[in-house]
Amino acid sequence: MKIIDLSYPLETGMPVYPGDTEVNIHNERTWEADGFRLSSLHSTLHAGTHIDAPSHISDSNVMMKDVDLRQCIGTGVLIDARNKRMIDVEDVRKKDIKAGDIVIFLTGWSKHYSTPLYNDHPMLSEALAEFLVMKKISLIGMDMPSCDHEPYPVHRILMKAGILIAENLCNCESLLDIDEFDMYAIPLKIDAEASLARVFAKEKTA
C-alpha cells in the first residue's frame, strides 16, 4: 500500500502568510530536566498545511468541528496545472470529476515555499470555481498558499457551496506516478474557521 504524505511539518519559525502570527512550538518540559516531554503550540490555524471551513470567508456558521469527516475522504483527481498562472475550466474539463471527489491542483509552486515568491502564486478562475460547485465536489487542495488573491472571490464561491479548501500542500508531484488514489484531508475537530491538517493520498489497489 503506497501512501504519499502531502503535508508540511509544523515547526517553530516556519513560513506563514504575511502578517500572520509566527509558529512557535515551546518545550514546556524536557526529558533531561523533567523525565518527560510536554510541548505547547502557538499558531494561527492557517499555518502550513491546513483546511479552511466554510465560515472562513463567508457568512456560513459551519466551523471545522461541524464538518462531516466523509467530506474529508474521497477519490482523488489530480489536475496538472504546472506553468499556468490562471487555472480555468479547460484545464479540468477532460477529467472525470464526480460528486464527492477531492480535486488536487499540482502547480509546482511548492518549490517557492519559504521564499517571497511563494505568495505571488497562480490562482483558480471564478468560472472554474463555479464548475467545481456544479460537479458537487467535496474539497479542493493545492500546493500553494491560496486558490486566489484578495478579495478572494474563489474562496467565497466555494465556501458558499460548502466546499472545503486545503492549502499549502507539498509533494504533489508524486501523485503523477500513480493511476488512482484516495485522498485523506484530516482536520482537528475544532470550533474554528480552519484547522491544521494532515493530508495524504493512498494508492488504490486492485
C-alpha atoms as a PDB file:
ATOM      1  CA  MET A   1       0.000   0.000   0.000  1.00  0.00           C
ATOM      2  CA  LYS A   2       1.562   3.268  -1.140  1.00  0.00           C
ATOM      3  CA  ILE A   3       0.867   6.354   0.983  1.00  0.00           C
ATOM      4  CA  ILE A   4       2.008   9.804  -0.129  1.00  0.00           C
ATOM      5  CA  ASP A   5       2.273  12.482   2.555  1.00  0.00           C
ATOM      6  CA  LEU A   6       1.268  15.884   1.151  1.00  0.00           C
ATOM      7  CA  SER A   7       1.773  17.847   4.383  1.00  0.00           C
ATOM      8  CA  TYR A   8       4.477  20.214   5.605  1.00  0.00           C
ATOM      9  CA  PRO A   9       5.848  19.598   9.102  1.00  0.00           C
ATOM     10  CA  LEU A  10       4.826  22.055  11.810  1.00  0.00           C
ATOM     11  CA  GLU A  11       7.989  23.729  13.097  1.00  0.00           C
ATOM     12  CA  THR A  12       8.982  26.826  15.015  1.00  0.00           C
ATOM     13  CA  GLY A  13       9.738  29.657  12.613  1.00  0.00           C
ATOM     14  CA  MET A  14       8.135  28.007   9.575  1.00  0.00           C
ATOM     15  CA  PRO A  15       6.730  30.248   6.814  1.00  0.00           C
ATOM     16  CA  VAL A  16       3.326  31.830   7.474  1.00  0.00           C
ATOM     17  CA  TYR A  17       1.023  34.058   5.450  1.00  0.00           C
ATOM     18  CA  PRO A  18       2.304  37.669   5.560  1.00  0.00           C
ATOM     19  CA  GLY A  19       1.102  39.349   8.743  1.00  0.00           C
ATOM     20  CA  ASP A  20       0.008  36.142  10.474  1.00  0.00           C
ATOM     21  CA  THR A  21       1.270  35.043  13.884  1.00  0.00           C
ATOM     22  CA  GLU A  22       4.564  33.159  13.757  1.00  0.00           C
ATOM     23  CA  VAL A  23       4.532  29.491  14.677  1.00  0.00           C
ATOM     24  CA  ASN A  24       6.216  28.645  17.968  1.00  0.00           C
ATOM     25  CA  ILE A  25       6.483  25.164  19.462  1.00  0.00           C
ATOM     26  CA  HIS A  26       7.615  25.634  23.047  1.00  0.00           C
ATOM     27  CA  ASN A  27       9.183  22.880  25.137  1.00  0.00           C
ATOM     28  CA  GLU A  28       7.299  23.217  28.424  1.00  0.00           C
ATOM     29  CA  ARG A  29       9.007  20.154  29.901  1.00  0.00           C
ATOM     30  CA  THR A  30      12.061  18.231  28.734  1.00  0.00           C
ATOM     31  CA  TRP A  31      13.269  14.664  29.146  1.00  0.00           C
ATOM     32  CA  GLU A  32      16.566  15.811  30.611  1.00  0.00           C
ATOM     33  CA  ALA A  33      15.066  18.076  33.296  1.00  0.00           C
ATOM     34  CA  ASP A  34      11.670  16.500  33.967  1.00  0.00           C
ATOM     35  CA  GLY A  35      11.769  12.904  32.793  1.00  0.00           C
ATOM     36  CA  PHE A  36       9.062  13.531  30.193  1.00  0.00           C
ATOM     37  CA  ARG A  37       8.362  15.862  27.290  1.00  0.00           C
ATOM     38  CA  LEU A  38       5.487  18.359  27.101  1.00  0.00           C
ATOM     39  CA  SER A  39       5.120  20.943  24.360  1.00  0.00           C
ATOM     40  CA  SER A  40       2.753  23.811  23.571  1.00  0.00           C
ATOM     41  CA  LEU A  41       1.893  25.254  20.169  1.00  0.00           C
ATOM     42  CA  HIS A  42       1.264  28.920  19.403  1.00  0.00           C
ATOM     43  CA  SER A  43      -0.004  29.418  15.863  1.00  0.00           C
ATOM     44  CA  THR A  44      -2.878  30.569  13.716  1.00  0.00           C
ATOM     45  CA  LEU A  45      -4.941  27.777  12.209  1.00  0.00           C
ATOM     46  CA  HIS A  46      -3.811  28.769   8.714  1.00  0.00           C
ATOM     47  CA  ALA A  47      -0.123  27.909   9.069  1.00  0.00           C
ATOM     48  CA  GLY A  48       1.422  25.208   6.929  1.00  0.00           C
ATOM     49  CA  THR A  49      -0.876  22.517   5.562  1.00  0.00           C
ATOM     50  CA  HIS A  50      -4.382  23.376   6.710  1.00  0.00           C
ATOM     51  CA  ILE A  51      -8.042  23.247   5.736  1.00  0.00           C
ATOM     52  CA  ASP A  52     -10.451  26.185   5.504  1.00  0.00           C
ATOM     53  CA  ALA A  53     -14.021  25.583   6.634  1.00  0.00           C
ATOM     54  CA  PRO A  54     -16.961  27.443   5.013  1.00  0.00           C
ATOM     55  CA  SER A  55     -17.044  30.004   7.854  1.00  0.00           C
ATOM     56  CA  HIS A  56     -13.575  31.326   6.940  1.00  0.00           C
ATOM     57  CA  ILE A  57     -14.672  33.716   4.180  1.00  0.00           C
ATOM     58  CA  SER A  58     -18.468  33.561   4.044  1.00  0.00           C
ATOM     59  CA  ASP A  59     -21.493  34.163   6.244  1.00  0.00           C
ATOM     60  CA  SER A  60     -21.678  30.423   6.958  1.00  0.00           C
ATOM     61  CA  ASN A  61     -21.664  29.264  10.560  1.00  0.00           C
ATOM     62  CA  VAL A  62     -20.044  25.927   9.667  1.00  0.00           C
ATOM     63  CA  MET A  63     -16.911  25.539  11.782  1.00  0.00           C
ATOM     64  CA  MET A  64     -14.389  22.761  11.343  1.00  0.00           C
ATOM     65  CA  LYS A  65     -15.960  20.785  14.204  1.00  0.00           C
ATOM     66  CA  ASP A  66     -19.200  20.697  12.203  1.00  0.00           C
ATOM     67  CA  VAL A  67     -17.662  19.184   9.075  1.00  0.00           C
ATOM     68  CA  ASP A  68     -18.583  15.568   8.345  1.00  0.00           C
ATOM     69  CA  LEU A  69     -15.385  13.530   8.018  1.00  0.00           C
ATOM     70  CA  ARG A  70     -16.861  11.890   4.927  1.00  0.00           C
ATOM     71  CA  GLN A  71     -16.254  15.222   3.203  1.00  0.00           C
ATOM     72  CA  CYS A  72     -12.544  14.898   4.014  1.00  0.00           C
ATOM     73  CA  ILE A  73     -12.093  11.461   2.444  1.00  0.00           C
ATOM     74  CA  GLY A  74     -12.725  10.635  -1.191  1.00  0.00           C
ATOM     75  CA  THR A  75     -11.458   9.695  -4.608  1.00  0.00           C
ATOM     76  CA  GLY A  76      -8.622  11.976  -5.651  1.00  0.00           C
ATOM     77  CA  VAL A  77      -8.482  13.714  -9.011  1.00  0.00           C
ATOM     78  CA  LEU A  78      -5.143  15.271  -9.950  1.00  0.00           C
ATOM     79  CA  ILE A  79      -5.042  18.349 -12.172  1.00  0.00           C
ATOM     80  CA  ASP A  80      -1.592  19.029 -13.619  1.00  0.00           C
ATOM     81  CA  ALA A  81      -1.605  22.823 -13.815  1.00  0.00           C
ATOM     82  CA  ARG A  82       2.123  23.434 -13.823  1.00  0.00           C
ATOM     83  CA  ASN A  83       3.227  26.541 -15.731  1.00  0.00           C
ATOM     84  CA  LYS A  84      -0.292  28.036 -15.510  1.00  0.00           C
ATOM     85  CA  ARG A  85      -0.890  31.433 -13.924  1.00  0.00           C
ATOM     86  CA  MET A  86      -4.675  31.202 -14.278  1.00  0.00           C
ATOM     87  CA  ILE A  87      -6.220  27.755 -13.927  1.00  0.00           C
ATOM     88  CA  ASP A  88      -9.509  27.609 -15.824  1.00  0.00           C
ATOM     89  CA  VAL A  89     -12.330  25.235 -16.731  1.00  0.00           C
ATOM     90  CA  GLU A  90     -10.494  23.999 -19.817  1.00  0.00           C
ATOM     91  CA  ASP A  91      -7.736  22.634 -17.570  1.00  0.00           C
ATOM     92  CA  VAL A  92     -10.138  20.229 -15.855  1.00  0.00           C
ATOM     93  CA  ARG A  93     -12.911  19.590 -18.383  1.00  0.00           C
ATOM     94  CA  LYS A  94     -11.405  16.315 -19.676  1.00  0.00           C
ATOM     95  CA  LYS A  95     -11.149  14.878 -16.164  1.00  0.00           C
ATOM     96  CA  ASP A  96     -13.885  12.565 -14.917  1.00  0.00           C
ATOM     97  CA  ILE A  97     -14.843  14.594 -11.849  1.00  0.00           C
ATOM     98  CA  LYS A  98     -17.708  13.169  -9.824  1.00  0.00           C
ATOM     99  CA  ALA A  99     -19.728  14.298  -6.830  1.00  0.00           C
ATOM    100  CA  GLY A 100     -17.774  13.839  -3.613  1.00  0.00           C
ATOM    101  CA  ASP A 101     -14.375  13.814  -5.304  1.00  0.00           C
ATOM    102  CA  ILE A 102     -11.353  15.642  -3.909  1.00  0.00           C
ATOM    103  CA  VAL A 103      -9.616  17.663  -6.607  1.00  0.00           C
ATOM    104  CA  ILE A 104      -5.891  18.345  -6.196  1.00  0.00           C
ATOM    105  CA  PHE A 105      -4.158  21.074  -8.204  1.00  0.00           C
ATOM    106  CA  LEU A 106      -0.489  20.464  -8.912  1.00  0.00           C
ATOM    107  CA  THR A 107       1.010  23.861  -9.761  1.00  0.00           C
ATOM    108  CA  GLY A 108       4.639  23.212  -8.869  1.00  0.00           C
ATOM    109  CA  TRP A 109       4.526  26.308  -6.666  1.00  0.00           C
ATOM    110  CA  SER A 110       5.760  24.421  -3.607  1.00  0.00           C
ATOM    111  CA  LYS A 111       9.275  24.887  -4.988  1.00  0.00           C
ATOM    112  CA  HIS A 112       8.960  28.523  -3.859  1.00  0.00           C
ATOM    113  CA  TYR A 113       7.975  27.653  -0.286  1.00  0.00           C
ATOM    114  CA  SER A 114       9.998  29.731   2.208  1.00  0.00           C
ATOM    115  CA  THR A 115      10.653  32.441  -0.411  1.00  0.00           C
ATOM    116  CA  PRO A 116       8.857  35.782  -1.037  1.00  0.00           C
ATOM    117  CA  LEU A 117       7.738  34.496  -4.446  1.00  0.00           C
ATOM    118  CA  TYR A 118       5.564  31.850  -2.793  1.00  0.00           C
ATOM    119  CA  ASN A 119       2.782  34.380  -2.171  1.00  0.00           C
ATOM    120  CA  ASP A 120       2.794  35.562  -5.803  1.00  0.00           C
ATOM    121  CA  HIS A 121       1.061  32.329  -6.711  1.00  0.00           C
ATOM    122  CA  PRO A 122      -1.247  31.229  -9.543  1.00  0.00           C
ATOM    123  CA  MET A 123      -4.999  31.176  -8.983  1.00  0.00           C
ATOM    124  CA  LEU A 124      -8.174  29.428 -10.000  1.00  0.00           C
ATOM    125  CA  SER A 125     -10.701  31.321 -12.114  1.00  0.00           C
ATOM    126  CA  GLU A 126     -14.174  32.104 -10.828  1.00  0.00           C
ATOM    127  CA  ALA A 127     -15.588  30.106 -13.748  1.00  0.00           C
ATOM    128  CA  LEU A 128     -13.616  27.076 -12.588  1.00  0.00           C
ATOM    129  CA  ALA A 129     -14.915  27.532  -9.044  1.00  0.00           C
ATOM    130  CA  GLU A 130     -18.487  27.585 -10.353  1.00  0.00           C
ATOM    131  CA  PHE A 131     -17.754  24.474 -12.440  1.00  0.00           C
ATOM    132  CA  LEU A 132     -16.491  22.600  -9.362  1.00  0.00           C
ATOM    133  CA  VAL A 133     -19.580  23.660  -7.424  1.00  0.00           C
ATOM    134  CA  MET A 134     -21.730  22.276 -10.243  1.00  0.00           C
ATOM    135  CA  LYS A 135     -19.795  18.995 -10.008  1.00  0.00           C
ATOM    136  CA  LYS A 136     -20.573  18.860  -6.250  1.00  0.00           C
ATOM    137  CA  ILE A 137     -17.036  18.006  -5.198  1.00  0.00           C
ATOM    138  CA  SER A 138     -16.155  17.807  -1.501  1.00  0.00           C
ATOM    139  CA  LEU A 139     -12.790  19.526  -1.279  1.00  0.00           C
ATOM    140  CA  ILE A 140     -10.013  21.093  -3.312  1.00  0.00           C
ATOM    141  CA  GLY A 141      -6.318  21.085  -2.432  1.00  0.00           C
ATOM    142  CA  MET A 142      -3.321  22.882  -3.896  1.00  0.00           C
ATOM    143  CA  ASP A 143       0.454  23.191  -3.485  1.00  0.00           C
ATOM    144  CA  MET A 144       0.302  26.948  -2.933  1.00  0.00           C
ATOM    145  CA  PRO A 145      -0.944  29.201  -0.117  1.00  0.00           C
ATOM    146  CA  SER A 146      -4.346  30.006  -1.617  1.00  0.00           C
ATOM    147  CA  CYS A 147      -6.594  29.336  -4.578  1.00  0.00           C
ATOM    148  CA  ASP A 148      -6.972  33.069  -5.254  1.00  0.00           C
ATOM    149  CA  HIS A 149      -5.932  36.562  -4.166  1.00  0.00           C
ATOM    150  CA  GLU A 150      -7.703  39.345  -2.277  1.00  0.00           C
ATOM    151  CA  PRO A 151     -10.699  39.915  -2.308  1.00  0.00           C
ATOM    152  CA  TYR A 152     -10.824  36.082  -2.543  1.00  0.00           C
ATOM    153  CA  PRO A 153     -13.711  35.535  -4.973  1.00  0.00           C
ATOM    154  CA  VAL A 154     -12.939  31.833  -5.455  1.00  0.00           C
ATOM    155  CA  HIS A 155     -12.926  31.242  -1.696  1.00  0.00           C
ATOM    156  CA  ARG A 156     -16.349  32.879  -1.494  1.00  0.00           C
ATOM    157  CA  ILE A 157     -17.846  30.799  -4.314  1.00  0.00           C
ATOM    158  CA  LEU A 158     -16.555  27.508  -2.942  1.00  0.00           C
ATOM    159  CA  MET A 159     -17.382  28.260   0.676  1.00  0.00           C
ATOM    160  CA  LYS A 160     -20.915  29.373  -0.115  1.00  0.00           C
ATOM    161  CA  ALA A 161     -21.345  25.876  -1.588  1.00  0.00           C
ATOM    162  CA  GLY A 162     -19.763  24.222   1.464  1.00  0.00           C
ATOM    163  CA  ILE A 163     -16.636  23.038  -0.363  1.00  0.00           C
ATOM    164  CA  LEU A 164     -13.522  22.752   1.820  1.00  0.00           C
ATOM    165  CA  ILE A 165     -10.145  24.157   0.775  1.00  0.00           C
ATOM    166  CA  ALA A 166      -6.827  22.522   1.693  1.00  0.00           C
ATOM    167  CA  GLU A 167      -3.879  24.882   1.253  1.00  0.00           C
ATOM    168  CA  ASN A 168      -0.092  24.581   1.390  1.00  0.00           C
ATOM    169  CA  LEU A 169       0.190  21.016   0.162  1.00  0.00           C
ATOM    170  CA  CYS A 170       3.571  19.637  -0.865  1.00  0.00           C
ATOM    171  CA  ASN A 171       4.947  16.613  -2.709  1.00  0.00           C
ATOM    172  CA  CYS A 172       2.019  16.662  -5.155  1.00  0.00           C
ATOM    173  CA  GLU A 173       4.372  15.704  -7.999  1.00  0.00           C
ATOM    174  CA  SER A 174       4.447  12.203  -6.501  1.00  0.00           C
ATOM    175  CA  LEU A 175       0.788  11.781  -7.445  1.00  0.00           C
ATOM    176  CA  LEU A 176       1.821  11.745 -11.102  1.00  0.00           C
ATOM    177  CA  ASP A 177       3.305   8.288 -10.529  1.00  0.00           C
ATOM    178  CA  ILE A 178       0.063   6.580  -9.528  1.00  0.00           C
ATOM    179  CA  ASP A 179      -3.051   5.936 -11.609  1.00  0.00           C
ATOM    180  CA  GLU A 180      -5.775   6.043  -8.972  1.00  0.00           C
ATOM    181  CA  PHE A 181      -5.716   7.242  -5.380  1.00  0.00           C
ATOM    182  CA  ASP A 182      -7.929   8.151  -2.453  1.00  0.00           C
ATOM    183  CA  MET A 183      -7.424  11.414  -0.595  1.00  0.00           C
ATOM    184  CA  TYR A 184      -7.492  11.996   3.152  1.00  0.00           C
ATOM    185  CA  ALA A 185      -7.531  15.583   4.452  1.00  0.00           C
ATOM    186  CA  ILE A 186      -7.952  15.190   8.204  1.00  0.00           C
ATOM    187  CA  PRO A 187      -8.600  18.280  10.348  1.00  0.00           C
ATOM    188  CA  LEU A 188      -8.894  18.711  14.091  1.00  0.00           C
ATOM    189  CA  LYS A 189     -12.425  18.705  15.491  1.00  0.00           C
ATOM    190  CA  ILE A 190     -12.101  22.343  16.492  1.00  0.00           C
ATOM    191  CA  ASP A 191     -14.600  25.173  16.976  1.00  0.00           C
ATOM    192  CA  ALA A 192     -12.904  27.454  14.467  1.00  0.00           C
ATOM    193  CA  GLU A 193     -12.918  28.510  10.809  1.00  0.00           C
ATOM    194  CA  ALA A 194      -9.908  26.368   9.892  1.00  0.00           C
ATOM    195  CA  SER A 195      -7.657  23.629  11.154  1.00  0.00           C
ATOM    196  CA  LEU A 196      -4.098  22.474  10.864  1.00  0.00           C
ATOM    197  CA  ALA A 197      -4.299  19.184   8.989  1.00  0.00           C
ATOM    198  CA  ARG A 198      -2.555  16.020   7.877  1.00  0.00           C
ATOM    199  CA  VAL A 199      -3.241  15.499   4.190  1.00  0.00           C
ATOM    200  CA  PHE A 200      -2.199  12.352   2.363  1.00  0.00           C
ATOM    201  CA  ALA A 201      -3.047  10.132  -0.591  1.00  0.00           C
ATOM    202  CA  LYS A 202      -3.363   6.343  -0.641  1.00  0.00           C
ATOM    203  CA  GLU A 203      -2.880   4.465  -3.860  1.00  0.00           C
ATOM    204  CA  LYS A 204      -5.869   2.380  -4.898  1.00  0.00           C
ATOM    205  CA  THR A 205      -5.065  -1.286  -5.365  1.00  0.00           C
ATOM    206  CA  ALA A 206      -6.958  -3.961  -7.260  1.00  0.00           C
END
